[in-house]
């Protein structure tokens, strides 16, 4: 009888471990997917900000897109040199991209860095 109890307890422990591992994998996958969606949104907002700089030499914040909203923080704007950060938050996930660009006749991105 004690052997049955020990084997049963061992099987329950193994079963709980397998379930917890599976749950962690699902949550990790869900988190990674949300992070990718947020990065795509922020990338779209960066493109919108660059388009605004090209067309109007100005950026308004927030940028409102059908997929969501982003805030734009102008770090510096001297002459045609722009340094700004675009951030987006959705369901607790936040992504930010810092851009440095130069506007002459066209806008040229000098650097793009996820922060």
PDB file of N, CA and C in Angstrom:
ATOM      1  N   UNK A   1       0.813  -1.192   0.000  1.00  0.00           N
ATOM      2  CA  UNK A   1       0.000   0.000   0.000  1.00  0.00           C
ATOM      3  C   UNK A   1       0.868   1.273   0.000  1.00  0.00           C
ATOM      4  N   UNK A   2       1.933   1.255   0.821  1.00  0.00           N
ATOM      5  CA  UNK A   2       2.804   2.429   0.872  1.00  0.00           C
ATOM      6  C   UNK A   2       3.518   2.632  -0.465  1.00  0.00           C
ATOM      7  N   UNK A   3       3.812   1.557  -1.167  1.00  0.00           N
ATOM      8  CA  UNK A   3       4.446   1.672  -2.479  1.00  0.00           C
ATOM      9  C   UNK A   3       3.500   2.376  -3.455  1.00  0.00           C
ATOM     10  N   UNK A   4       2.243   2.076  -3.415  1.00  0.00           N
ATOM     11  CA  UNK A   4       1.252   2.697  -4.283  1.00  0.00           C
ATOM     12  C   UNK A   4       1.149   4.196  -3.980  1.00  0.00           C
ATOM     13  N   UNK A   5       1.178   4.553  -2.717  1.00  0.00           N
ATOM     14  CA  UNK A   5       1.101   5.964  -2.321  1.00  0.00           C
ATOM     15  C   UNK A   5       2.341   6.714  -2.794  1.00  0.00           C
ATOM     16  N   UNK A   6       3.528   6.134  -2.621  1.00  0.00           N
ATOM     17  CA  UNK A   6       4.780   6.781  -3.036  1.00  0.00           C
ATOM     18  C   UNK A   6       4.804   6.943  -4.555  1.00  0.00           C
ATOM     19  N   UNK A   7       4.439   5.891  -5.296  1.00  0.00           N
ATOM     20  CA  UNK A   7       4.428   5.964  -6.761  1.00  0.00           C
ATOM     21  C   UNK A   7       3.379   6.982  -7.218  1.00  0.00           C
ATOM     22  N   UNK A   8       2.227   7.016  -6.575  1.00  0.00           N
ATOM     23  CA  UNK A   8       1.180   7.980  -6.919  1.00  0.00           C
ATOM     24  C   UNK A   8       1.650   9.410  -6.680  1.00  0.00           C
ATOM     25  N   UNK A   9       2.312   9.640  -5.557  1.00  0.00           N
ATOM     26  CA  UNK A   9       2.821  10.980  -5.246  1.00  0.00           C
ATOM     27  C   UNK A   9       3.883  11.390  -6.262  1.00  0.00           C
ATOM     28  N   UNK A  10       4.722  10.446  -6.644  1.00  0.00           N
ATOM     29  CA  UNK A  10       5.764  10.719  -7.633  1.00  0.00           C
ATOM     30  C   UNK A  10       5.138  11.070  -8.979  1.00  0.00           C
ATOM     31  N   UNK A  11       4.124  10.343  -9.387  1.00  0.00           N
ATOM     32  CA  UNK A  11       3.440  10.628 -10.655  1.00  0.00           C
ATOM     33  C   UNK A  11       2.740  11.995 -10.625  1.00  0.00           C
ATOM     34  N   UNK A  12       2.132  12.335  -9.506  1.00  0.00           N
ATOM     35  CA  UNK A  12       1.488  13.638  -9.374  1.00  0.00           C
ATOM     36  C   UNK A  12       2.538  14.746  -9.465  1.00  0.00           C
ATOM     37  N   UNK A  13       3.676  14.574  -8.807  1.00  0.00           N
ATOM     38  CA  UNK A  13       4.750  15.570  -8.845  1.00  0.00           C
ATOM     39  C   UNK A  13       5.264  15.755 -10.264  1.00  0.00           C
ATOM     40  N   UNK A  14       5.481  14.665 -10.967  1.00  0.00           N
ATOM     41  CA  UNK A  14       5.950  14.742 -12.361  1.00  0.00           C
ATOM     42  C   UNK A  14       4.889  15.412 -13.224  1.00  0.00           C
ATOM     43  N   UNK A  15       3.634  15.068 -13.028  1.00  0.00           N
ATOM     44  CA  UNK A  15       2.545  15.659 -13.809  1.00  0.00           C
ATOM     45  C   UNK A  15       2.443  17.163 -13.592  1.00  0.00           C
ATOM     46  N   UNK A  16       2.545  17.600 -12.349  1.00  0.00           N
ATOM     47  CA  UNK A  16       2.493  19.035 -12.046  1.00  0.00           C
ATOM     48  C   UNK A  16       3.677  19.746 -12.696  1.00  0.00           C
ATOM     49  N   UNK A  17       4.854  19.129 -12.663  1.00  0.00           N
ATOM     50  CA  UNK A  17       6.045  19.726 -13.289  1.00  0.00           C
ATOM     51  C   UNK A  17       5.866  19.893 -14.790  1.00  0.00           C
ATOM     52  N   UNK A  18       5.306  18.886 -15.446  1.00  0.00           N
ATOM     53  CA  UNK A  18       5.074  18.954 -16.891  1.00  0.00           C
ATOM     54  C   UNK A  18       4.059  20.047 -17.215  1.00  0.00           C
ATOM     55  N   UNK A  19       2.993  20.139 -16.450  1.00  0.00           N
ATOM     56  CA  UNK A  19       1.981  21.169 -16.679  1.00  0.00           C
ATOM     57  C   UNK A  19       2.575  22.557 -16.478  1.00  0.00           C
ATOM     58  N   UNK A  20       3.352  22.762 -15.433  1.00  0.00           N
ATOM     59  CA  UNK A  20       3.963  24.072 -15.169  1.00  0.00           C
ATOM     60  C   UNK A  20       4.941  24.449 -16.285  1.00  0.00           C
ATOM     61  N   UNK A  21       5.716  23.488 -16.764  1.00  0.00           N
ATOM     62  CA  UNK A  21       6.653  23.752 -17.853  1.00  0.00           C
ATOM     63  C   UNK A  21       5.905  24.146 -19.122  1.00  0.00           C
ATOM     64  N   UNK A  22       4.827  23.465 -19.412  1.00  0.00           N
ATOM     65  CA  UNK A  22       4.016  23.792 -20.592  1.00  0.00           C
ATOM     66  C   UNK A  22       3.404  25.178 -20.461  1.00  0.00           C
ATOM     67  N   UNK A  23       2.926  25.511 -19.293  1.00  0.00           N
ATOM     68  CA  UNK A  23       2.334  26.827 -19.059  1.00  0.00           C
ATOM     69  C   UNK A  23       3.385  27.926 -19.231  1.00  0.00           C
ATOM     70  N   UNK A  24       4.580  27.719 -18.713  1.00  0.00           N
ATOM     71  CA  UNK A  24       5.659  28.700 -18.882  1.00  0.00           C
ATOM     72  C   UNK A  24       6.002  28.886 -20.359  1.00  0.00           C
ATOM     73  N   UNK A  25       6.010  27.809 -21.128  1.00  0.00           N
ATOM     74  CA  UNK A  25       6.309  27.905 -22.554  1.00  0.00           C
ATOM     75  C   UNK A  25       5.245  28.710 -23.288  1.00  0.00           C
ATOM     76  N   UNK A  26       3.988  28.482 -22.954  1.00  0.00           N
ATOM     77  CA  UNK A  26       2.891  29.214 -23.590  1.00  0.00           C
ATOM     78  C   UNK A  26       2.973  30.699 -23.248  1.00  0.00           C
ATOM     79  N   UNK A  27       3.209  31.018 -21.985  1.00  0.00           N
ATOM     80  CA  UNK A  27       3.310  32.419 -21.568  1.00  0.00           C
ATOM     81  C   UNK A  27       4.498  33.109 -22.222  1.00  0.00           C
ATOM     82  N   UNK A  28       5.600  32.420 -22.337  1.00  0.00           N
ATOM     83  CA  UNK A  28       6.789  32.992 -22.981  1.00  0.00           C
ATOM     84  C   UNK A  28       6.526  33.259 -24.458  1.00  0.00           C
ATOM     85  N   UNK A  29       5.870  32.342 -25.116  1.00  0.00           N
ATOM     86  CA  UNK A  29       5.529  32.515 -26.523  1.00  0.00           C
ATOM     87  C   UNK A  29       4.562  33.686 -26.698  1.00  0.00           C
ATOM     88  N   UNK A  30       3.584  33.804 -25.830  1.00  0.00           N
ATOM     89  CA  UNK A  30       2.615  34.896 -25.888  1.00  0.00           C
ATOM     90  C   UNK A  30       3.316  36.236 -25.694  1.00  0.00           C
ATOM     91  N   UNK A  31       4.216  36.291 -24.734  1.00  0.00           N
ATOM     92  CA  UNK A  31       4.958  37.524 -24.465  1.00  0.00           C
ATOM     93  C   UNK A  31       5.826  37.907 -25.663  1.00  0.00           C
ATOM     94  N   UNK A  32       6.500  36.938 -26.255  1.00  0.00           N
ATOM     95  CA  UNK A  32       7.327  37.214 -27.426  1.00  0.00           C
ATOM     96  C   UNK A  32       6.509  37.714 -28.597  1.00  0.00           C
ATOM     97  N   UNK A  33       5.325  37.174 -28.781  1.00  0.00           N
ATOM     98  CA  UNK A  33       4.443  37.606 -29.869  1.00  0.00           C
ATOM     99  C   UNK A  33       3.978  39.035 -29.649  1.00  0.00           C
ATOM    100  N   UNK A  34       3.579  39.371 -28.433  1.00  0.00           N
ATOM    101  CA  UNK A  34       3.147  40.741 -28.126  1.00  0.00           C
ATOM    102  C   UNK A  34       4.300  41.722 -28.349  1.00  0.00           C
ATOM    103  N   UNK A  35       5.491  41.319 -27.985  1.00  0.00           N
ATOM    104  CA  UNK A  35       6.660  42.180 -28.169  1.00  0.00           C
ATOM    105  C   UNK A  35       6.912  42.445 -29.652  1.00  0.00           C
ATOM    106  N   UNK A  36       6.737  41.428 -30.486  1.00  0.00           N
ATOM    107  CA  UNK A  36       6.913  41.603 -31.936  1.00  0.00           C
ATOM    108  C   UNK A  36       5.838  42.523 -32.514  1.00  0.00           C
ATOM    109  N   UNK A  37       4.618  42.389 -32.031  1.00  0.00           N
ATOM    110  CA  UNK A  37       3.531  43.253 -32.492  1.00  0.00           C
ATOM    111  C   UNK A  37       3.832  44.703 -32.116  1.00  0.00           C
ATOM    112  N   UNK A  38       4.324  44.917 -30.898  1.00  0.00           N
ATOM    113  CA  UNK A  38       4.656  46.274 -30.464  1.00  0.00           C
ATOM    114  C   UNK A  38       5.797  46.850 -31.298  1.00  0.00           C
ATOM    115  N   UNK A  39       6.796  46.047 -31.616  1.00  0.00           N
ATOM    116  CA  UNK A  39       7.904  46.530 -32.438  1.00  0.00           C
ATOM    117  C   UNK A  39       7.408  46.933 -33.823  1.00  0.00           C
ATOM    118  N   UNK A  40       6.491  46.170 -34.390  1.00  0.00           N
ATOM    119  CA  UNK A  40       5.927  46.521 -35.704  1.00  0.00           C
ATOM    120  C   UNK A  40       5.154  47.832 -35.623  1.00  0.00           C
ATOM    121  N   UNK A  41       4.401  48.042 -34.543  1.00  0.00           N
ATOM    122  CA  UNK A  41       3.664  49.295 -34.370  1.00  0.00           C
ATOM    123  C   UNK A  41       4.629  50.472 -34.261  1.00  0.00           C
ATOM    124  N   UNK A  42       5.663  50.332 -33.439  1.00  0.00           N
ATOM    125  CA  UNK A  42       6.615  51.431 -33.250  1.00  0.00           C
ATOM    126  C   UNK A  42       7.362  51.701 -34.554  1.00  0.00           C
ATOM    127  N   UNK A  43       7.713  50.657 -35.300  1.00  0.00           N
ATOM    128  CA  UNK A  43       8.347  50.855 -36.616  1.00  0.00           C
ATOM    129  C   UNK A  43       7.441  51.653 -37.544  1.00  0.00           C
ATOM    130  N   UNK A  44       6.146  51.349 -37.543  1.00  0.00           N
ATOM    131  CA  UNK A  44       5.200  52.090 -38.380  1.00  0.00           C
ATOM    132  C   UNK A  44       5.124  53.551 -37.938  1.00  0.00           C
ATOM    133  N   UNK A  45       5.178  53.784 -36.642  1.00  0.00           N
ATOM    134  CA  UNK A  45       5.155  55.165 -36.137  1.00  0.00           C
ATOM    135  C   UNK A  45       6.436  55.907 -36.510  1.00  0.00           C
ATOM    136  N   UNK A  46       7.585  55.214 -36.496  1.00  0.00           N
ATOM    137  CA  UNK A  46       8.840  55.830 -36.924  1.00  0.00           C
ATOM    138  C   UNK A  46       8.729  56.263 -38.377  1.00  0.00           C
ATOM    139  N   UNK A  47       8.180  55.396 -39.211  1.00  0.00           N
ATOM    140  CA  UNK A  47       8.008  55.736 -40.627  1.00  0.00           C
ATOM    141  C   UNK A  47       7.097  56.947 -40.790  1.00  0.00           C
ATOM    142  N   UNK A  48       6.037  57.001 -39.995  1.00  0.00           N
ATOM    143  CA  UNK A  48       5.124  58.149 -40.050  1.00  0.00           C
ATOM    144  C   UNK A  48       5.836  59.432 -39.608  1.00  0.00           C
ATOM    145  N   UNK A  49       6.639  59.344 -38.557  1.00  0.00           N
ATOM    146  CA  UNK A  49       7.384  60.517 -38.082  1.00  0.00           C
ATOM    147  C   UNK A  49       8.373  60.997 -39.145  1.00  0.00           C
ATOM    148  N   UNK A  50       9.072  60.068 -39.792  1.00  0.00           N
ATOM    149  CA  UNK A  50      10.016  60.448 -40.845  1.00  0.00           C
ATOM    150  C   UNK A  50       9.288  61.086 -42.027  1.00  0.00           C
ATOM    151  N   UNK A  51       8.121  60.576 -42.351  1.00  0.00           N
ATOM    152  CA  UNK A  51       7.316  61.163 -43.421  1.00  0.00           C
ATOM    153  C   UNK A  51       6.893  62.590 -43.066  1.00  0.00           C
ATOM    154  N   UNK A  52       6.485  62.801 -41.813  1.00  0.00           N
ATOM    155  CA  UNK A  52       6.103  64.143 -41.372  1.00  0.00           C
ATOM    156  C   UNK A  52       7.290  65.105 -41.435  1.00  0.00           C
ATOM    157  N   UNK A  53       8.463  64.637 -41.018  1.00  0.00           N
ATOM    158  CA  UNK A  53       9.660  65.482 -41.099  1.00  0.00           C
ATOM    159  C   UNK A  53       9.931  65.851 -42.549  1.00  0.00           C
ATOM    160  N   UNK A  54       9.819  64.886 -43.432  1.00  0.00           N
ATOM    161  CA  UNK A  54      10.083  65.130 -44.851  1.00  0.00           C
ATOM    162  C   UNK A  54       9.093  66.128 -45.441  1.00  0.00           C
ATOM    163  N   UNK A  55       7.813  65.985 -45.070  1.00  0.00           N
ATOM    164  CA  UNK A  55       6.776  66.816 -45.688  1.00  0.00           C
ATOM    165  C   UNK A  55       6.572  68.161 -44.998  1.00  0.00           C
ATOM    166  N   UNK A  56       6.665  68.210 -43.663  1.00  0.00           N
ATOM    167  CA  UNK A  56       6.318  69.438 -42.938  1.00  0.00           C
ATOM    168  C   UNK A  56       7.434  69.980 -42.068  1.00  0.00           C
ATOM    169  N   UNK A  57       8.553  69.253 -41.979  1.00  0.00           N
ATOM    170  CA  UNK A  57       9.670  69.627 -41.106  1.00  0.00           C
ATOM    171  C   UNK A  57       9.208  69.746 -39.650  1.00  0.00           C
ATOM    172  N   UNK A  58       8.277  68.855 -39.272  1.00  0.00           N
ATOM    173  CA  UNK A  58       7.733  68.866 -37.923  1.00  0.00           C
ATOM    174  C   UNK A  58       7.220  67.462 -37.595  1.00  0.00           C
ATOM    175  N   UNK A  59       7.140  67.150 -36.304  1.00  0.00           N
ATOM    176  CA  UNK A  59       6.560  65.886 -35.860  1.00  0.00           C
ATOM    177  C   UNK A  59       5.564  66.196 -34.756  1.00  0.00           C
ATOM    178  N   UNK A  60       4.352  65.683 -34.895  1.00  0.00           N
ATOM    179  CA  UNK A  60       3.359  65.856 -33.842  1.00  0.00           C
ATOM    180  C   UNK A  60       3.275  64.564 -33.025  1.00  0.00           C
ATOM    181  N   UNK A  61       2.953  64.721 -31.757  1.00  0.00           N
ATOM    182  CA  UNK A  61       2.811  63.577 -30.877  1.00  0.00           C
ATOM    183  C   UNK A  61       1.482  63.715 -30.152  1.00  0.00           C
ATOM    184  N   UNK A  62       0.733  62.675 -30.025  1.00  0.00           N
ATOM    185  CA  UNK A  62       1.025  61.300 -30.405  1.00  0.00           C
ATOM    186  C   UNK A  62       0.747  61.055 -31.884  1.00  0.00           C
ATOM    187  N   UNK A  63       1.349  59.988 -32.379  1.00  0.00           N
ATOM    188  CA  UNK A  63       1.043  59.507 -33.721  1.00  0.00           C
ATOM    189  C   UNK A  63      -0.048  58.449 -33.560  1.00  0.00           C
ATOM    190  N   UNK A  64      -1.156  58.657 -34.236  1.00  0.00           N
ATOM    191  CA  UNK A  64      -2.304  57.757 -34.110  1.00  0.00           C
ATOM    192  C   UNK A  64      -2.415  56.952 -35.392  1.00  0.00           C
ATOM    193  N   UNK A  65      -2.296  55.651 -35.252  1.00  0.00           N
ATOM    194  CA  UNK A  65      -2.445  54.717 -36.374  1.00  0.00           C
ATOM    195  C   UNK A  65      -3.597  53.768 -36.062  1.00  0.00           C
ATOM    196  N   UNK A  66      -4.144  53.101 -37.069  1.00  0.00           N
ATOM    197  CA  UNK A  66      -5.229  52.145 -36.794  1.00  0.00           C
ATOM    198  C   UNK A  66      -4.820  51.043 -35.800  1.00  0.00           C
ATOM    199  N   UNK A  67      -3.549  50.657 -35.807  1.00  0.00           N
ATOM    200  CA  UNK A  67      -3.091  49.583 -34.922  1.00  0.00           C
ATOM    201  C   UNK A  67      -2.821  50.060 -33.500  1.00  0.00           C
ATOM    202  N   UNK A  68      -2.670  51.368 -33.301  1.00  0.00           N
ATOM    203  CA  UNK A  68      -2.383  51.884 -31.964  1.00  0.00           C
ATOM    204  C   UNK A  68      -1.734  53.253 -32.026  1.00  0.00           C
ATOM    205  N   UNK A  69      -1.323  53.739 -30.877  1.00  0.00           N
ATOM    206  CA  UNK A  69      -0.738  55.074 -30.766  1.00  0.00           C
ATOM    207  C   UNK A  69       0.708  54.991 -30.294  1.00  0.00           C
ATOM    208  N   UNK A  70       1.495  55.994 -30.677  1.00  0.00           N
ATOM    209  CA  UNK A  70       2.878  56.111 -30.228  1.00  0.00           C
ATOM    210  C   UNK A  70       3.127  57.539 -29.785  1.00  0.00           C
ATOM    211  N   UNK A  71       4.032  57.714 -28.847  1.00  0.00           N
ATOM    212  CA  UNK A  71       4.467  59.047 -28.468  1.00  0.00           C
ATOM    213  C   UNK A  71       5.821  59.307 -29.099  1.00  0.00           C
ATOM    214  N   UNK A  72       6.058  60.560 -29.443  1.00  0.00           N
ATOM    215  CA  UNK A  72       7.328  60.973 -30.035  1.00  0.00           C
ATOM    216  C   UNK A  72       7.950  62.010 -29.115  1.00  0.00           C
ATOM    217  N   UNK A  73       9.177  61.764 -28.722  1.00  0.00           N
ATOM    218  CA  UNK A  73       9.930  62.711 -27.909  1.00  0.00           C
ATOM    219  C   UNK A  73      11.079  63.236 -28.753  1.00  0.00           C
ATOM    220  N   UNK A  74      11.104  64.550 -28.973  1.00  0.00           N
ATOM    221  CA  UNK A  74      12.196  65.164 -29.733  1.00  0.00           C
ATOM    222  C   UNK A  74      13.353  65.393 -28.768  1.00  0.00           C
ATOM    223  N   UNK A  75      14.445  64.667 -28.975  1.00  0.00           N
ATOM    224  CA  UNK A  75      15.637  64.835 -28.137  1.00  0.00           C
ATOM    225  C   UNK A  75      16.423  66.060 -28.564  1.00  0.00           C
ATOM    226  N   UNK A  76      16.541  66.283 -29.873  1.00  0.00           N
ATOM    227  CA  UNK A  76      17.142  67.513 -30.390  1.00  0.00           C
ATOM    228  C   UNK A  76      16.731  67.686 -31.839  1.00  0.00           C
ATOM    229  N   UNK A  77      16.697  68.959 -32.242  1.00  0.00           N
ATOM    230  CA  UNK A  77      16.382  69.317 -33.621  1.00  0.00           C
ATOM    231  C   UNK A  77      17.164  70.586 -33.919  1.00  0.00           C
ATOM    232  N   UNK A  78      18.359  70.401 -34.474  1.00  0.00           N
ATOM    233  CA  UNK A  78      19.219  71.532 -34.785  1.00  0.00           C
ATOM    234  C   UNK A  78      19.443  71.538 -36.291  1.00  0.00           C
ATOM    235  N   UNK A  79      18.974  72.614 -36.928  1.00  0.00           N
ATOM    236  CA  UNK A  79      19.087  72.673 -38.383  1.00  0.00           C
ATOM    237  C   UNK A  79      18.294  71.538 -38.992  1.00  0.00           C
ATOM    238  N   UNK A  80      18.938  70.744 -39.812  1.00  0.00           N
ATOM    239  CA  UNK A  80      18.277  69.596 -40.415  1.00  0.00           C
ATOM    240  C   UNK A  80      18.579  68.299 -39.694  1.00  0.00           C
ATOM    241  N   UNK A  81      19.225  68.381 -38.531  1.00  0.00           N
ATOM    242  CA  UNK A  81      19.590  67.176 -37.778  1.00  0.00           C
ATOM    243  C   UNK A  81      18.539  66.892 -36.710  1.00  0.00           C
ATOM    244  N   UNK A  82      17.961  65.720 -36.792  1.00  0.00           N
ATOM    245  CA  UNK A  82      16.905  65.300 -35.881  1.00  0.00           C
ATOM    246  C   UNK A  82      17.379  64.136 -35.021  1.00  0.00           C
ATOM    247  N   UNK A  83      17.007  64.159 -33.763  1.00  0.00           N
ATOM    248  CA  UNK A  83      17.216  63.040 -32.841  1.00  0.00           C
ATOM    249  C   UNK A  83      15.914  62.913 -32.059  1.00  0.00           C
ATOM    250  N   UNK A  84      15.203  61.798 -32.252  1.00  0.00           N
ATOM    251  CA  UNK A  84      13.923  61.627 -31.570  1.00  0.00           C
ATOM    252  C   UNK A  84      13.715  60.174 -31.184  1.00  0.00           C
ATOM    253  N   UNK A  85      12.824  59.985 -30.211  1.00  0.00           N
ATOM    254  CA  UNK A  85      12.496  58.650 -29.712  1.00  0.00           C
ATOM    255  C   UNK A  85      11.005  58.419 -29.882  1.00  0.00           C
ATOM    256  N   UNK A  86      10.674  57.267 -30.439  1.00  0.00           N
ATOM    257  CA  UNK A  86       9.271  56.871 -30.622  1.00  0.00           C
ATOM    258  C   UNK A  86       9.003  55.696 -29.687  1.00  0.00           C
ATOM    259  N   UNK A  87       7.936  55.809 -28.890  1.00  0.00           N
ATOM    260  CA  UNK A  87       7.581  54.757 -27.937  1.00  0.00           C
ATOM    261  C   UNK A  87       6.116  54.374 -28.104  1.00  0.00           C
ATOM    262  N   UNK A  88       5.867  53.103 -27.960  1.00  0.00           N
ATOM    263  CA  UNK A  88       4.499  52.605 -28.021  1.00  0.00           C
ATOM    264  C   UNK A  88       4.253  51.630 -26.892  1.00  0.00           C
ATOM    265  N   UNK A  89       3.049  51.649 -26.318  1.00  0.00           N
ATOM    266  CA  UNK A  89       2.675  50.745 -25.236  1.00  0.00           C
ATOM    267  C   UNK A  89       1.322  50.135 -25.563  1.00  0.00           C
ATOM    268  N   UNK A  90       1.228  48.826 -25.373  1.00  0.00           N
ATOM    269  CA  UNK A  90      -0.026  48.129 -25.609  1.00  0.00           C
ATOM    270  C   UNK A  90      -0.099  46.935 -24.672  1.00  0.00           C
ATOM    271  N   UNK A  91      -1.155  46.884 -23.878  1.00  0.00           N
ATOM    272  CA  UNK A  91      -1.387  45.784 -22.944  1.00  0.00           C
ATOM    273  C   UNK A  91      -0.159  45.490 -22.095  1.00  0.00           C
ATOM    274  N   UNK A  92       0.494  46.531 -21.614  1.00  0.00           N
ATOM    275  CA  UNK A  92       1.629  46.370 -20.715  1.00  0.00           C
ATOM    276  C   UNK A  92       2.969  46.149 -21.393  1.00  0.00           C
ATOM    277  N   UNK A  93       3.005  46.084 -22.703  1.00  0.00           N
ATOM    278  CA  UNK A  93       4.252  45.895 -23.437  1.00  0.00           C
ATOM    279  C   UNK A  93       4.666  47.221 -24.059  1.00  0.00           C
ATOM    280  N   UNK A  94       5.895  47.631 -23.826  1.00  0.00           N
ATOM    281  CA  UNK A  94       6.404  48.894 -24.342  1.00  0.00           C
ATOM    282  C   UNK A  94       7.649  48.639 -25.172  1.00  0.00           C
ATOM    283  N   UNK A  95       7.728  49.302 -26.310  1.00  0.00           N
ATOM    284  CA  UNK A  95       8.927  49.267 -27.150  1.00  0.00           C
ATOM    285  C   UNK A  95       9.259  50.696 -27.530  1.00  0.00           C
ATOM    286  N   UNK A  96      10.551  50.991 -27.623  1.00  0.00           N
ATOM    287  CA  UNK A  96      11.005  52.328 -27.999  1.00  0.00           C
ATOM    288  C   UNK A  96      12.144  52.212 -29.002  1.00  0.00           C
ATOM    289  N   UNK A  97      12.168  53.172 -29.928  1.00  0.00           N
ATOM    290  CA  UNK A  97      13.220  53.236 -30.938  1.00  0.00           C
ATOM    291  C   UNK A  97      13.725  54.677 -30.987  1.00  0.00           C
ATOM    292  N   UNK A  98      15.051  54.826 -30.919  1.00  0.00           N
ATOM    293  CA  UNK A  98      15.660  56.148 -31.044  1.00  0.00           C
ATOM    294  C   UNK A  98      16.214  56.292 -32.458  1.00  0.00           C
ATOM    295  N   UNK A  99      15.890  57.414 -33.082  1.00  0.00           N
ATOM    296  CA  UNK A  99      16.282  57.685 -34.467  1.00  0.00           C
ATOM    297  C   UNK A  99      17.102  58.970 -34.520  1.00  0.00           C
ATOM    298  N   UNK A 100      18.183  58.941 -35.273  1.00  0.00           N
ATOM    299  CA  UNK A 100      18.857  60.175 -35.666  1.00  0.00           C
ATOM    300  C   UNK A 100      18.764  60.242 -37.185  1.00  0.00           C
ATOM    301  N   UNK A 101      18.380  61.420 -37.676  1.00  0.00           N
ATOM    302  CA  UNK A 101      18.167  61.585 -39.113  1.00  0.00           C
ATOM    303  C   UNK A 101      18.605  62.983 -39.523  1.00  0.00           C
ATOM    304  N   UNK A 102      18.887  63.116 -40.805  1.00  0.00           N
ATOM    305  CA  UNK A 102      19.260  64.397 -41.380  1.00  0.00           C
ATOM    306  C   UNK A 102      18.301  64.698 -42.516  1.00  0.00           C
ATOM    307  N   UNK A 103      17.779  65.932 -42.503  1.00  0.00           N
ATOM    308  CA  UNK A 103      16.887  66.343 -43.584  1.00  0.00           C
ATOM    309  C   UNK A 103      17.606  67.369 -44.450  1.00  0.00           C
ATOM    310  N   UNK A 104      17.791  67.015 -45.702  1.00  0.00           N
ATOM    311  CA  UNK A 104      18.248  67.962 -46.720  1.00  0.00           C
ATOM    312  C   UNK A 104      17.097  68.025 -47.713  1.00  0.00           C
ATOM    313  N   UNK A 105      17.303  67.603 -48.932  1.00  0.00           N
ATOM    314  CA  UNK A 105      16.165  67.491 -49.858  1.00  0.00           C
ATOM    315  C   UNK A 105      15.353  66.245 -49.540  1.00  0.00           C
ATOM    316  N   UNK A 106      15.995  65.264 -48.940  1.00  0.00           N
ATOM    317  CA  UNK A 106      15.341  64.044 -48.476  1.00  0.00           C
ATOM    318  C   UNK A 106      15.734  63.810 -47.023  1.00  0.00           C
ATOM    319  N   UNK A 107      15.011  62.926 -46.347  1.00  0.00           N
ATOM    320  CA  UNK A 107      15.357  62.559 -44.981  1.00  0.00           C
ATOM    321  C   UNK A 107      16.212  61.297 -45.049  1.00  0.00           C
ATOM    322  N   UNK A 108      17.382  61.366 -44.418  1.00  0.00           N
ATOM    323  CA  UNK A 108      18.291  60.221 -44.358  1.00  0.00           C
ATOM    324  C   UNK A 108      18.410  59.775 -42.907  1.00  0.00           C
ATOM    325  N   UNK A 109      18.134  58.497 -42.657  1.00  0.00           N
ATOM    326  CA  UNK A 109      18.269  57.947 -41.302  1.00  0.00           C
ATOM    327  C   UNK A 109      19.732  57.619 -41.081  1.00  0.00           C
ATOM    328  N   UNK A 110      20.303  58.234 -40.041  1.00  0.00           N
ATOM    329  CA  UNK A 110      21.710  57.988 -39.718  1.00  0.00           C
ATOM    330  C   UNK A 110      21.872  56.820 -38.758  1.00  0.00           C
ATOM    331  N   UNK A 111      20.940  56.685 -37.825  1.00  0.00           N
ATOM    332  CA  UNK A 111      20.994  55.541 -36.909  1.00  0.00           C
ATOM    333  C   UNK A 111      19.592  55.240 -36.389  1.00  0.00           C
ATOM    334  N   UNK A 112      19.400  53.974 -36.072  1.00  0.00           N
ATOM    335  CA  UNK A 112      18.155  53.467 -35.514  1.00  0.00           C
ATOM    336  C   UNK A 112      18.533  52.503 -34.414  1.00  0.00           C
ATOM    337  N   UNK A 113      18.059  52.775 -33.185  1.00  0.00           N
ATOM    338  CA  UNK A 113      18.463  51.940 -32.057  1.00  0.00           C
ATOM    339  C   UNK A 113      17.249  51.647 -31.175  1.00  0.00           C
ATOM    340  N   UNK A 114      17.022  50.362 -30.911  1.00  0.00           N
ATOM    341  CA  UNK A 114      15.969  49.981 -29.970  1.00  0.00           C
ATOM    342  C   UNK A 114      16.491  50.242 -28.561  1.00  0.00           C
ATOM    343  N   UNK A 115      15.652  50.898 -27.778  1.00  0.00           N
ATOM    344  CA  UNK A 115      16.065  51.187 -26.393  1.00  0.00           C
ATOM    345  C   UNK A 115      15.037  50.678 -25.423  1.00  0.00           C
TER     346      UNK A 115
END
